[in-house]
C-alpha atoms as a PDB file:
ATOM      1  CA  UNK A   1     176.429  76.780 129.469  1.00  0.00           C
ATOM      2  CA  UNK A   2     173.183  74.685 129.524  1.00  0.00           C
ATOM      3  CA  UNK A   3     172.104  73.201 126.484  1.00  0.00           C
ATOM      4  CA  UNK A   4     168.515  71.736 128.093  1.00  0.00           C
ATOM      5  CA  UNK A   5     167.516  70.440 124.893  1.00  0.00           C
ATOM      6  CA  UNK A   6     170.119  68.124 124.202  1.00  0.00           C
ATOM      7  CA  UNK A   7     170.236  66.710 127.445  1.00  0.00           C
ATOM      8  CA  UNK A   8     173.249  67.549 128.510  1.00  0.00           C
ATOM      9  CA  UNK A   9     172.252  69.258 132.208  1.00  0.00           C
ATOM     10  CA  UNK A  10     175.083  72.049 134.102  1.00  0.00           C
ATOM     11  CA  UNK A  11     177.157  70.079 137.309  1.00  0.00           C
ATOM     12  CA  UNK A  12     179.697  70.597 139.613  1.00  0.00           C
ATOM     13  CA  UNK A  13     181.042  67.506 140.795  1.00  0.00           C
ATOM     14  CA  UNK A  14     183.880  67.379 143.661  1.00  0.00           C
ATOM     15  CA  UNK A  15     185.756  63.905 143.907  1.00  0.00           C
ATOM     16  CA  UNK A  16     188.870  61.675 143.351  1.00  0.00           C
ATOM     17  CA  UNK A  17     190.628  61.180 140.137  1.00  0.00           C
ATOM     18  CA  UNK A  18     190.456  57.209 139.833  1.00  0.00           C
ATOM     19  CA  UNK A  19     193.526  57.368 137.028  1.00  0.00           C
ATOM     20  CA  UNK A  20     196.363  59.425 135.031  1.00  0.00           C
ATOM     21  CA  UNK A  21     194.464  61.530 132.745  1.00  0.00           C
ATOM     22  CA  UNK A  22     194.922  60.500 129.412  1.00  0.00           C
ATOM     23  CA  UNK A  23     196.209  62.443 127.112  1.00  0.00           C
ATOM     24  CA  UNK A  24     195.473  62.516 123.367  1.00  0.00           C
ATOM     25  CA  UNK A  25     195.082  64.382 119.655  1.00  0.00           C
ATOM     26  CA  UNK A  26     192.243  64.548 117.098  1.00  0.00           C
ATOM     27  CA  UNK A  27     192.997  64.138 113.312  1.00  0.00           C
ATOM     28  CA  UNK A  28     192.440  67.474 113.130  1.00  0.00           C
ATOM     29  CA  UNK A  29     195.812  67.997 116.289  1.00  0.00           C
ATOM     30  CA  UNK A  30     192.789  68.946 118.874  1.00  0.00           C
ATOM     31  CA  UNK A  31     194.478  67.646 122.666  1.00  0.00           C
ATOM     32  CA  UNK A  32     191.560  65.772 124.196  1.00  0.00           C
ATOM     33  CA  UNK A  33     192.041  64.146 127.576  1.00  0.00           C
ATOM     34  CA  UNK A  34     189.881  61.276 129.379  1.00  0.00           C
ATOM     35  CA  UNK A  35     189.785  60.405 132.992  1.00  0.00           C
ATOM     36  CA  UNK A  36     186.980  59.309 136.320  1.00  0.00           C
ATOM     37  CA  UNK A  37     186.403  60.212 138.525  1.00  0.00           C
ATOM     38  CA  UNK A  38     184.984  58.980 142.159  1.00  0.00           C
ATOM     39  CA  UNK A  39     183.090  61.295 144.400  1.00  0.00           C
ATOM     40  CA  UNK A  40     182.163  59.808 148.414  1.00  0.00           C
ATOM     41  CA  UNK A  41     179.085  61.348 149.393  1.00  0.00           C
ATOM     42  CA  UNK A  42     178.883  61.039 153.360  1.00  0.00           C
ATOM     43  CA  UNK A  43     175.583  62.153 155.666  1.00  0.00           C
ATOM     44  CA  UNK A  44     175.335  62.809 158.790  1.00  0.00           C
ATOM     45  CA  UNK A  45     173.806  60.800 160.787  1.00  0.00           C
ATOM     46  CA  UNK A  46     172.413  62.468 164.020  1.00  0.00           C
ATOM     47  CA  UNK A  47     171.391  59.567 166.155  1.00  0.00           C
ATOM     48  CA  UNK A  48     174.367  57.621 166.064  1.00  0.00           C
ATOM     49  CA  UNK A  49     177.060  61.162 165.951  1.00  0.00           C
ATOM     50  CA  UNK A  50     178.462  59.638 163.248  1.00  0.00           C
ATOM     51  CA  UNK A  51     179.131  60.520 159.073  1.00  0.00           C
ATOM     52  CA  UNK A  52     177.460  57.579 157.172  1.00  0.00           C
ATOM     53  CA  UNK A  53     179.434  56.981 153.880  1.00  0.00           C
ATOM     54  CA  UNK A  54     177.493  56.791 151.134  1.00  0.00           C
ATOM     55  CA  UNK A  55     177.726  54.643 147.805  1.00  0.00           C
ATOM     56  CA  UNK A  56     180.753  55.324 145.615  1.00  0.00           C
ATOM     57  CA  UNK A  57     179.815  56.944 142.613  1.00  0.00           C
ATOM     58  CA  UNK A  58     181.406  57.113 138.964  1.00  0.00           C
ATOM     59  CA  UNK A  59     181.730  59.808 136.098  1.00  0.00           C
ATOM     60  CA  UNK A  60     183.705  59.465 133.162  1.00  0.00           C
ATOM     61  CA  UNK A  61     185.057  63.175 131.745  1.00  0.00           C
ATOM     62  CA  UNK A  62     186.192  64.238 129.261  1.00  0.00           C
ATOM     63  CA  UNK A  63     188.706  67.321 128.501  1.00  0.00           C
ATOM     64  CA  UNK A  64     189.388  68.834 124.955  1.00  0.00           C
ATOM     65  CA  UNK A  65     192.259  71.579 123.878  1.00  0.00           C
ATOM     66  CA  UNK A  66     193.648  73.964 126.532  1.00  0.00           C
ATOM     67  CA  UNK A  67     192.186  72.208 129.327  1.00  0.00           C
ATOM     68  CA  UNK A  68     192.421  68.810 128.265  1.00  0.00           C
ATOM     69  CA  UNK A  69     196.419  69.946 127.642  1.00  0.00           C
ATOM     70  CA  UNK A  70     196.298  71.191 131.357  1.00  0.00           C
ATOM     71  CA  UNK A  71     194.350  67.861 132.608  1.00  0.00           C
ATOM     72  CA  UNK A  72     197.010  66.060 131.827  1.00  0.00           C
ATOM     73  CA  UNK A  73     198.976  66.790 134.644  1.00  0.00           C
ATOM     74  CA  UNK A  74     196.976  65.655 137.629  1.00  0.00           C
ATOM     75  CA  UNK A  75     197.883  62.505 138.472  1.00  0.00           C
ATOM     76  CA  UNK A  76     195.957  59.307 140.285  1.00  0.00           C
ATOM     77  CA  UNK A  77     194.148  59.842 143.625  1.00  0.00           C
ATOM     78  CA  UNK A  78     194.119  63.707 143.795  1.00  0.00           C
ATOM     79  CA  UNK A  79     190.819  65.932 144.583  1.00  0.00           C
ATOM     80  CA  UNK A  80     189.455  68.125 141.852  1.00  0.00           C
ATOM     81  CA  UNK A  81     186.860  70.515 141.003  1.00  0.00           C
ATOM     82  CA  UNK A  82     185.194  69.841 137.446  1.00  0.00           C
ATOM     83  CA  UNK A  83     182.132  72.205 136.519  1.00  0.00           C
ATOM     84  CA  UNK A  84     180.572  70.951 132.885  1.00  0.00           C
ATOM     85  CA  UNK A  85     177.658  69.401 130.915  1.00  0.00           C
ATOM     86  CA  UNK A  86     176.529  65.936 132.108  1.00  0.00           C
ATOM     87  CA  UNK A  87     175.260  63.339 129.588  1.00  0.00           C
ATOM     88  CA  UNK A  88     174.746  59.425 129.362  1.00  0.00           C
ATOM     89  CA  UNK A  89     176.524  56.890 127.124  1.00  0.00           C
ATOM     90  CA  UNK A  90     174.576  54.239 126.934  1.00  0.00           C
ATOM     91  CA  UNK A  91     176.470  50.977 125.945  1.00  0.00           C
ATOM     92  CA  UNK A  92     176.404  47.127 125.713  1.00  0.00           C
ATOM     93  CA  UNK A  93     178.488  45.103 126.881  1.00  0.00           C
ATOM     94  CA  UNK A  94     179.919  41.654 126.202  1.00  0.00           C
ATOM     95  CA  UNK A  95     177.311  39.641 126.816  1.00  0.00           C
ATOM     96  CA  UNK A  96     175.200  41.646 125.975  1.00  0.00           C
ATOM     97  CA  UNK A  97     173.746  43.787 128.187  1.00  0.00           C
ATOM     98  CA  UNK A  98     172.967  47.250 127.849  1.00  0.00           C
ATOM     99  CA  UNK A  99     175.161  49.365 130.183  1.00  0.00           C
ATOM    100  CA  UNK A 100     175.293  53.528 130.953  1.00  0.00           C
ATOM    101  CA  UNK A 101     178.213  55.693 132.202  1.00  0.00           C
ATOM    102  CA  UNK A 102     177.609  59.362 133.260  1.00  0.00           C
ATOM    103  CA  UNK A 103     179.792  61.776 131.500  1.00  0.00           C
ATOM    104  CA  UNK A 104     180.579  64.949 132.284  1.00  0.00           C
ATOM    105  CA  UNK A 105     181.967  67.837 129.294  1.00  0.00           C
ATOM    106  CA  UNK A 106     184.555  69.507 131.043  1.00  0.00           C
ATOM    107  CA  UNK A 107     183.973  73.338 130.799  1.00  0.00           C
ATOM    108  CA  UNK A 108     186.513  73.614 133.777  1.00  0.00           C
ATOM    109  CA  UNK A 109     188.257  71.884 135.434  1.00  0.00           C
ATOM    110  CA  UNK A 110     191.106  72.140 138.623  1.00  0.00           C
ATOM    111  CA  UNK A 111     192.543  71.067 142.512  1.00  0.00           C
ATOM    112  CA  UNK A 112     190.597  71.301 145.240  1.00  0.00           C
ATOM    113  CA  UNK A 113     191.929  73.140 147.899  1.00  0.00           C
ATOM    114  CA  UNK A 114     189.770  71.449 150.752  1.00  0.00           C
ATOM    115  CA  UNK A 115     191.523  68.900 152.049  1.00  0.00           C
ATOM    116  CA  UNK A 116     194.947  70.389 152.165  1.00  0.00           C
ATOM    117  CA  UNK A 117     197.165  69.627 155.340  1.00  0.00           C
ATOM    118  CA  UNK A 118     199.828  72.818 154.300  1.00  0.00           C
ATOM    119  CA  UNK A 119     198.112  76.273 153.068  1.00  0.00           C
ATOM    120  CA  UNK A 120     199.718  77.429 149.771  1.00  0.00           C
ATOM    121  CA  UNK A 121     201.224  73.717 149.037  1.00  0.00           C
ATOM    122  CA  UNK A 122     199.596  70.627 146.936  1.00  0.00           C
ATOM    123  CA  UNK A 123     201.238  67.739 147.351  1.00  0.00           C
ATOM    124  CA  UNK A 124     200.042  65.987 143.657  1.00  0.00           C
ATOM    125  CA  UNK A 125     200.274  68.523 141.284  1.00  0.00           C
ATOM    126  CA  UNK A 126     202.816  71.611 141.500  1.00  0.00           C
ATOM    127  CA  UNK A 127     200.234  73.675 139.831  1.00  0.00           C
ATOM    128  CA  UNK A 128     199.926  75.782 143.495  1.00  0.00           C
ATOM    129  CA  UNK A 129     202.740  77.130 145.002  1.00  0.00           C
ATOM    130  CA  UNK A 130     203.411  79.681 147.966  1.00  0.00           C
ATOM    131  CA  UNK A 131     203.823  83.245 146.736  1.00  0.00           C
ATOM    132  CA  UNK A 132     207.231  85.065 147.777  1.00  0.00           C
ATOM    133  CA  UNK A 133     206.909  87.306 150.677  1.00  0.00           C
ATOM    134  CA  UNK A 134     209.101  90.544 150.548  1.00  0.00           C
ATOM    135  CA  UNK A 135     211.705  90.518 153.259  1.00  0.00           C
ATOM    136  CA  UNK A 136     211.752  93.971 155.732  1.00  0.00           C
ATOM    137  CA  UNK A 137     213.792  94.925 157.881  1.00  0.00           C
ATOM    138  CA  UNK A 138     212.595  94.027 161.607  1.00  0.00           C
ATOM    139  CA  UNK A 139     212.675  97.369 163.432  1.00  0.00           C
ATOM    140  CA  UNK A 140     209.980  98.864 160.180  1.00  0.00           C
ATOM    141  CA  UNK A 141     206.659  98.720 161.214  1.00  0.00           C
ATOM    142  CA  UNK A 142     204.112  96.875 159.983  1.00  0.00           C
ATOM    143  CA  UNK A 143     200.295  98.350 159.157  1.00  0.00           C
ATOM    144  CA  UNK A 144     197.355  97.221 158.016  1.00  0.00           C
ATOM    145  CA  UNK A 145     194.777  98.238 155.269  1.00  0.00           C
ATOM    146  CA  UNK A 146     191.682  97.955 156.069  1.00  0.00           C
ATOM    147  CA  UNK A 147     189.014  98.205 153.038  1.00  0.00           C
ATOM    148  CA  UNK A 148     185.496  98.816 153.511  1.00  0.00           C
ATOM    149  CA  UNK A 149     183.178  97.148 150.769  1.00  0.00           C
ATOM    150  CA  UNK A 150     180.551  99.885 148.718  1.00  0.00           C
ATOM    151  CA  UNK A 151     177.552  99.090 149.531  1.00  0.00           C
ATOM    152  CA  UNK A 152     175.006  97.008 147.244  1.00  0.00           C
ATOM    153  CA  UNK A 153     173.180  99.167 145.394  1.00  0.00           C
ATOM    154  CA  UNK A 154     169.233  97.092 145.283  1.00  0.00           C
ATOM    155  CA  UNK A 155     167.678  96.470 141.775  1.00  0.00           C
ATOM    156  CA  UNK A 156     164.567  97.731 141.559  1.00  0.00           C
ATOM    157  CA  UNK A 157     161.932  94.585 139.871  1.00  0.00           C
END
């Protein structure tokens, strides 16, 4: 995934979508979706015993083809995990000031489940549902199977 020679850096970010993803199609018919993700880093201050909010960071994310079409189903405010390549987009605003925007070219993307309150469900997306369970008679014995992992073989260096 890394393309160091082109100035692209592998990155993984976890944050919230700041707007609904915008799905468009190129003249060749390829799907492309753009959106923005906000990160709100925090750190623990041992002296005060509190979590302290850092400065918010914003990234534009761009996805192509199948990921773009799937990303269009997400909604503003949803927490996501984004894996991709970081690039910088240089531009000038109306007053002539040079600006730079970090852009992540998405390689993989999905909803984050870290802060979901109900296991197996997402409030803002219908992509994850709790699996259906088989009904068994009340008097059926319950069994538990434990599988021990095989020990790993050490590689010789």
